[in-house]
Amino acid sequence: MRAASRLQQRRDAVGEFAHGIADRRHQAGSVLRRQWPGEGEGARRHAAWPVEFGGDLGFLRRFHVEPQSPLESNHYFDLWSPGALPALARFNGLTNNRALFVDSHGSAGFRWHGRGYGLYPRETLLQRGQETPAFSPADFARVLGHDDAAAIHNIVIAGCNEEGRFRSQEWRRHFVNATNITYMTPGILAYKPMFYQAIVTPSSEIKPLYGRESSSGNQSTCGIQREPSPGAKPLGAYVADLYLPGARKPYRTQRAGRELLEPERAATALRADCAPSDARL
């Protein structure tokens, strides 16, 4: 019963934060693909890690939540609903997972080098007339600093992957000890309820959800349903690229879930399940 109670708490948390509410995560038309002005060349050459897409690192630092005690190791960048992501993780006992969590929009098409997949904030977090900043893996590593970036083992990215341009290798270049990099399935929009489930729920217990889109003027919204119905489409699932230490390519891609953030606990549970039972009467 205690295990069932913990499962119910996790489901309640997802419902409390997300049930019945979902914003369409990707609005590429609202983002300006920023090019570097010539006058910034000198500053860019002298940076340890270039600000690849022209995003203001001062802006990014405002949304960085660091570990709050020596017993915590997780870092958060909540570029969607500041404060909600750390609260969800802590409520569900995820505090010391050597993890980087990023909640934001995600899109391809940003220009500097590589494939140009960038993360950017929700429009409501910007000042009127402010150009939308976009950030690369190097930008997040630069805000954390060398030592904290090297301590990250798990990376969980919320943003859309509609163009299929997310590359976990680009994150591993800057977070060299990351062995689990979680992201949305290629070719799919991302929705908050599935993101929350991927964090707090074991992959075997993640429930499918369905979205029904509706439009009013230039606004597109999506109502979330627990059961399929005509016109409702299944929401995309998050997947994880898993790396061996020092490897350049993932050795496996699998469905994401809480167990990847707690490998020691998952291994203990597996050993308990596989242990021979005592058949003596």
Foldseek 3Di string as FASTA:
>chain_A
DVVVVLVVLLVVLLCVVPAFFKAFQDDPVQADQDDDDPVCVVVQVPDPFGQQRPFDLVVQLVQWDAQPDPQFQEIERELEDRPSVVVSCVSLPNGHLLEYEYEFAWDADHDGDDRRIWGWHDPVVDDVPDHTGTGFLSSVLVSCDQVSLQSRAEYAYQHFQQQVRDDVLRNCVSSVNHFKYKYWDHNFTGIDSQSSQLARPFQVPDAKKWWAWDDDVPGITITIGRDDDPRIHIHTFMKIFGPDRPDSGGPDIGTGHNCVSVVVVVVVVVCVVPDDDDPDD
